[in-house]
N, C-alpha and C. Protein backbone atom coordinates (compact mmCIF):
# COMPACT_ATOMS: atom_id res chain seq x y z
N PRO A 1 0.75 -1.34 0.19
CA PRO A 1 -0.45 -0.37 -0.22
C PRO A 1 0.81 1.62 -0.04
N VAL A 2 0.35 2.54 -0.17
CA VAL A 2 1.14 3.49 -0.35
C VAL A 2 1.00 4.34 1.44
N SER A 3 -0.04 3.82 1.96
CA SER A 3 -0.34 4.73 2.77
C SER A 3 -1.19 3.56 3.95
N ILE A 4 -0.33 3.38 5.19
CA ILE A 4 -1.70 2.72 6.12
C ILE A 4 -2.98 3.52 7.08
N ARG A 5 -3.66 3.99 7.54
CA ARG A 5 -4.61 4.61 7.28
C ARG A 5 -5.01 4.12 9.50
N VAL A 6 -4.49 4.30 10.81
CA VAL A 6 -4.11 3.50 11.52
C VAL A 6 -4.92 4.90 12.72
N ASP A 7 -5.63 3.74 13.74
CA ASP A 7 -6.26 5.00 15.39
C ASP A 7 -4.02 5.05 15.94
N ASN A 8 -4.42 5.41 17.03
CA ASN A 8 -3.19 6.40 18.20
C ASN A 8 -2.73 4.50 19.00
N GLY A 9 -3.36 3.82 19.47
CA GLY A 9 -3.26 2.52 20.32
C GLY A 9 -2.07 2.60 20.10
N PRO A 10 -0.95 1.94 20.96
CA PRO A 10 0.05 1.48 21.37
C PRO A 10 1.01 0.61 20.04
N GLU A 11 -0.10 0.18 19.69
CA GLU A 11 0.26 -1.16 18.41
C GLU A 11 0.49 -0.19 17.54
N TYR A 12 -0.49 1.33 17.19
CA TYR A 12 0.66 1.60 15.83
C TYR A 12 0.73 2.83 16.35
N ILE A 13 1.17 2.47 17.49
CA ILE A 13 2.83 4.36 17.84
C ILE A 13 4.42 3.78 17.95
N SER A 14 4.60 2.10 17.62
CA SER A 14 5.73 1.59 18.27
C SER A 14 6.72 2.41 17.06
N GLY A 15 8.25 2.11 17.15
CA GLY A 15 8.61 2.30 16.63
C GLY A 15 9.60 1.29 15.57
N LYS A 16 9.21 -0.30 15.41
CA LYS A 16 8.96 -1.01 14.54
C LYS A 16 7.84 -0.55 13.48
N LEU A 17 6.60 -0.96 14.00
CA LEU A 17 6.23 -0.14 12.89
C LEU A 17 6.27 0.71 12.12
N LEU A 18 6.59 2.37 12.52
CA LEU A 18 7.07 3.00 11.65
C LEU A 18 8.15 2.96 10.69
N ALA A 19 9.17 2.57 11.44
CA ALA A 19 10.41 1.64 10.59
C ALA A 19 10.30 0.89 9.93
N TRP A 20 9.17 -0.20 9.75
CA TRP A 20 9.41 -0.95 8.18
C TRP A 20 8.22 0.10 7.65
N ALA A 21 7.90 0.71 8.07
CA ALA A 21 6.05 1.68 6.90
C ALA A 21 7.66 2.50 5.97
N GLU A 22 8.83 2.92 6.66
CA GLU A 22 9.42 3.90 6.02
C GLU A 22 10.03 3.06 4.98
N LYS A 23 10.53 1.97 5.94
CA LYS A 23 11.68 0.89 4.57
C LYS A 23 11.71 0.50 3.61
N LEU A 24 10.14 0.57 3.70
CA LEU A 24 9.28 0.25 2.27
C LEU A 24 8.52 1.40 1.37
N LYS A 25 8.52 2.64 2.46
CA LYS A 25 7.43 3.65 1.67
C LYS A 25 6.56 4.18 2.24
N ILE A 26 6.23 3.12 2.85
CA ILE A 26 4.83 3.40 3.47
C ILE A 26 4.15 4.21 3.81
N SER A 27 3.66 5.83 3.42
CA SER A 27 3.03 6.60 4.59
C SER A 27 2.23 5.95 5.89
N VAL A 28 2.57 5.96 7.13
CA VAL A 28 1.62 5.84 8.21
C VAL A 28 0.75 7.21 8.81
N ARG A 29 -0.37 6.95 8.22
CA ARG A 29 -1.22 8.25 8.47
C ARG A 29 -2.49 8.38 9.95
N HIS A 30 -2.02 8.70 10.97
CA HIS A 30 -2.98 8.85 12.35
C HIS A 30 -4.04 9.33 12.54
N ILE A 31 -5.30 8.93 12.05
CA ILE A 31 -6.31 9.46 12.90
C ILE A 31 -6.43 10.84 14.65
N GLN A 32 -7.35 11.59 14.60
CA GLN A 32 -6.95 11.97 15.46
C GLN A 32 -7.50 11.61 16.51
N PRO A 33 -6.76 11.93 17.05
CA PRO A 33 -6.97 11.59 19.00
C PRO A 33 -8.54 11.57 19.22
N GLY A 34 -9.76 10.72 19.34
CA GLY A 34 -10.58 10.36 19.91
C GLY A 34 -11.95 10.03 19.00
N LYS A 35 -11.46 10.29 17.80
CA LYS A 35 -12.38 10.20 16.18
C LYS A 35 -11.90 8.72 15.36
N PRO A 36 -12.92 8.44 16.40
CA PRO A 36 -12.85 6.61 15.98
C PRO A 36 -13.26 6.30 14.70
N GLN A 37 -14.45 7.83 14.19
CA GLN A 37 -15.51 7.52 12.72
C GLN A 37 -14.22 8.42 11.50
N GLN A 38 -13.06 9.11 12.04
CA GLN A 38 -11.89 8.58 10.69
C GLN A 38 -11.68 7.76 10.63
N ASN A 39 -11.84 6.36 11.06
CA ASN A 39 -11.36 5.00 9.75
C ASN A 39 -12.53 3.95 10.82
N ALA A 40 -13.25 4.53 10.54
CA ALA A 40 -14.72 3.28 11.11
C ALA A 40 -15.11 2.39 10.64
N TYR A 41 -14.53 1.77 9.11
CA TYR A 41 -14.30 0.42 8.48
C TYR A 41 -13.85 0.17 9.10
N VAL A 42 -12.39 0.06 9.30
CA VAL A 42 -11.93 -0.29 10.17
C VAL A 42 -11.92 -1.13 11.65
N GLU A 43 -12.54 0.36 12.32
CA GLU A 43 -13.43 0.03 13.73
C GLU A 43 -14.24 -1.11 13.49
N ARG A 44 -15.62 -1.05 12.71
CA ARG A 44 -16.52 -1.83 12.99
C ARG A 44 -15.54 -3.15 12.17
N TYR A 45 -14.44 -3.24 11.47
CA TYR A 45 -14.62 -5.02 11.05
C TYR A 45 -13.34 -5.44 12.05
N ASN A 46 -12.24 -4.45 12.98
CA ASN A 46 -12.34 -4.97 13.88
C ASN A 46 -12.97 -5.98 15.66
N ARG A 47 -13.80 -4.68 15.57
CA ARG A 47 -15.56 -5.04 16.42
C ARG A 47 -15.71 -6.85 16.73
N THR A 48 -15.90 -7.06 14.72
CA THR A 48 -16.53 -7.59 14.13
C THR A 48 -15.73 -9.20 14.65
N VAL A 49 -14.91 -9.25 13.75
CA VAL A 49 -12.88 -9.81 14.32
C VAL A 49 -13.18 -10.27 15.54
N ARG A 50 -13.41 -9.54 17.06
CA ARG A 50 -13.04 -9.52 17.89
C ARG A 50 -13.93 -10.49 18.20
N HIS A 51 -15.30 -10.05 18.57
CA HIS A 51 -16.82 -11.04 18.61
C HIS A 51 -17.21 -12.07 18.20
N GLU A 52 -16.41 -12.45 17.02
CA GLU A 52 -16.70 -13.22 16.34
C GLU A 52 -16.49 -14.19 16.30
N TRP A 53 -14.94 -14.13 16.42
CA TRP A 53 -13.66 -14.91 16.90
C TRP A 53 -12.85 -15.48 17.61
N LEU A 54 -12.36 -13.73 17.29
CA LEU A 54 -11.12 -13.58 18.35
C LEU A 54 -11.70 -14.14 19.93
N ASP A 55 -13.13 -13.67 20.25
CA ASP A 55 -13.06 -13.84 21.51
C ASP A 55 -13.97 -15.21 21.90
N GLN A 56 -13.94 -15.87 20.82
CA GLN A 56 -14.25 -17.84 20.81
C GLN A 56 -13.36 -18.07 21.11
N HIS A 57 -12.33 -18.02 21.01
CA HIS A 57 -11.37 -19.65 21.08
C HIS A 57 -9.96 -18.99 22.05
N ILE A 58 -9.50 -20.03 23.26
CA ILE A 58 -8.28 -18.99 23.24
C ILE A 58 -7.22 -19.64 22.19
N ILE A 59 -6.65 -18.97 21.66
CA ILE A 59 -5.69 -19.04 20.25
C ILE A 59 -4.06 -19.13 20.79
N GLU A 60 -2.86 -20.18 21.35
CA GLU A 60 -1.83 -20.46 21.16
C GLU A 60 -0.69 -20.11 20.57
N SER A 61 -1.00 -20.04 19.39
CA SER A 61 0.17 -19.92 18.42
C SER A 61 -0.37 -19.04 17.30
N ILE A 62 0.03 -18.85 15.93
CA ILE A 62 0.02 -18.27 15.25
C ILE A 62 -1.20 -18.75 14.36
N GLU A 63 0.02 -19.78 14.17
CA GLU A 63 -0.76 -20.74 13.18
C GLU A 63 -2.35 -21.18 13.42
N GLU A 64 -2.52 -21.17 14.50
CA GLU A 64 -3.78 -20.91 15.14
C GLU A 64 -4.84 -20.20 14.56
N ALA A 65 -4.31 -19.38 15.06
CA ALA A 65 -5.06 -17.74 14.61
C ALA A 65 -5.39 -17.77 12.49
N GLN A 66 -4.20 -17.86 12.54
CA GLN A 66 -4.41 -17.72 10.92
C GLN A 66 -5.33 -18.67 10.78
N HIS A 67 -5.27 -19.58 11.25
CA HIS A 67 -6.35 -20.91 10.95
C HIS A 67 -8.00 -20.37 11.17
N HIS A 68 -8.60 -19.61 12.41
CA HIS A 68 -9.52 -18.52 12.65
C HIS A 68 -10.21 -18.12 12.05
N ALA A 69 -8.63 -17.05 11.32
CA ALA A 69 -9.45 -15.77 10.66
C ALA A 69 -9.21 -16.71 8.95
N THR A 70 -8.51 -18.18 9.18
CA THR A 70 -9.24 -18.14 7.76
C THR A 70 -10.59 -18.87 7.61
N LYS A 71 -11.57 -19.51 8.84
CA LYS A 71 -12.66 -20.17 8.11
C LYS A 71 -12.85 -19.01 8.95
N TRP A 72 -13.12 -18.02 9.70
CA TRP A 72 -14.04 -17.53 9.21
C TRP A 72 -13.79 -16.55 8.51
N LEU A 73 -13.31 -16.08 7.76
CA LEU A 73 -13.30 -14.83 6.38
C LEU A 73 -14.02 -15.82 5.61
N TRP A 74 -13.96 -17.00 5.64
CA TRP A 74 -14.16 -18.03 4.11
C TRP A 74 -16.19 -17.69 4.30
N THR A 75 -16.13 -18.48 5.92
CA THR A 75 -18.35 -18.34 5.95
C THR A 75 -18.42 -17.04 6.32
N TYR A 76 -17.52 -15.08 6.20
CA TYR A 76 -18.13 -14.65 6.34
C TYR A 76 -18.08 -14.17 4.37
N ASN A 77 -17.82 -14.74 3.65
CA ASN A 77 -17.88 -13.96 2.15
C ASN A 77 -18.57 -14.94 1.57
N ASN A 78 -18.55 -16.73 2.43
CA ASN A 78 -19.13 -17.66 1.12
C ASN A 78 -20.45 -18.09 1.92
N GLU A 79 -21.12 -18.05 3.23
CA GLU A 79 -21.87 -18.26 3.99
C GLU A 79 -23.13 -17.77 4.23
N ARG A 80 -22.58 -16.27 5.20
CA ARG A 80 -23.74 -15.77 5.32
C ARG A 80 -24.25 -14.75 5.24
N PRO A 81 -25.10 -14.06 4.81
CA PRO A 81 -25.92 -13.69 4.25
C PRO A 81 -26.14 -11.54 4.49
N ASN A 82 -25.27 -10.60 3.35
CA ASN A 82 -24.73 -9.10 4.15
C ASN A 82 -26.01 -8.92 3.73
N MET A 83 -26.68 -8.04 4.89
CA MET A 83 -28.01 -7.67 4.58
C MET A 83 -27.92 -6.02 3.41
N GLY A 84 -26.59 -5.86 4.01
CA GLY A 84 -26.21 -4.54 3.16
C GLY A 84 -25.80 -4.67 1.39
N ILE A 85 -26.14 -5.81 1.31
CA ILE A 85 -25.86 -5.42 -0.04
C ILE A 85 -26.92 -7.19 -0.31
N GLY A 86 -28.10 -6.54 0.15
CA GLY A 86 -29.41 -7.47 -0.49
C GLY A 86 -29.30 -8.91 0.03
N GLY A 87 -29.02 -8.83 0.57
CA GLY A 87 -28.99 -10.23 2.07
C GLY A 87 -28.62 -11.52 1.00
N ILE A 88 -27.35 -11.10 0.60
CA ILE A 88 -26.82 -12.07 -0.18
C ILE A 88 -25.34 -12.38 0.22
N THR A 89 -24.75 -12.72 -0.11
CA THR A 89 -23.19 -12.95 0.71
C THR A 89 -22.49 -12.34 -0.40
N PRO A 90 -21.41 -11.56 0.02
CA PRO A 90 -19.94 -11.06 -1.30
C PRO A 90 -19.73 -12.37 -2.37
N ALA A 91 -19.84 -13.61 -1.72
CA ALA A 91 -19.19 -14.35 -2.76
C ALA A 91 -20.49 -14.24 -4.09
N GLN A 92 -21.75 -14.28 -3.84
CA GLN A 92 -21.87 -14.28 -5.01
C GLN A 92 -22.37 -12.47 -5.30
N LYS A 93 -22.82 -11.61 -4.42
CA LYS A 93 -22.58 -10.26 -5.04
C LYS A 93 -21.13 -9.83 -6.10
N LEU A 94 -20.31 -10.96 -6.31
CA LEU A 94 -18.87 -10.43 -7.26
C LEU A 94 -18.99 -11.43 -8.34
N LYS A 95 -20.49 -12.39 -8.31
CA LYS A 95 -20.13 -12.96 -9.63
C LYS A 95 -21.88 -12.19 -10.05
N LEU A 96 -21.96 -12.05 -9.10
CA LEU A 96 -23.54 -10.69 -10.39
C LEU A 96 -22.73 -9.90 -11.02
N ALA A 97 -21.73 -9.30 -10.01
CA ALA A 97 -20.54 -7.96 -10.72
C ALA A 97 -20.43 -8.49 -12.15
N ALA A 98 -19.35 -10.17 -12.25
CA ALA A 98 -19.00 -10.27 -13.10
C ALA A 98 -19.81 -10.52 -14.58
């Protein structure tokens, strides 16, 4: 990416993240403190992930986290109707657009 928009949480102000982004010429753009609506899409996504799979499991490795994330994402895109796109799944919407 050319830039990454992040909030001001400790995970996004770390020196390692900033050094990594600088090395790859990625701009890190922080939202204003106390203004989560400036990054509403990510805030909503993070809440959904936290409630629907992260809080449901005790995760003991990165591989296990990746497994749960992949399983959840597949279900989200292929099995779960999304009312924001007419009660169909994102996969169905993609097929209709093709």
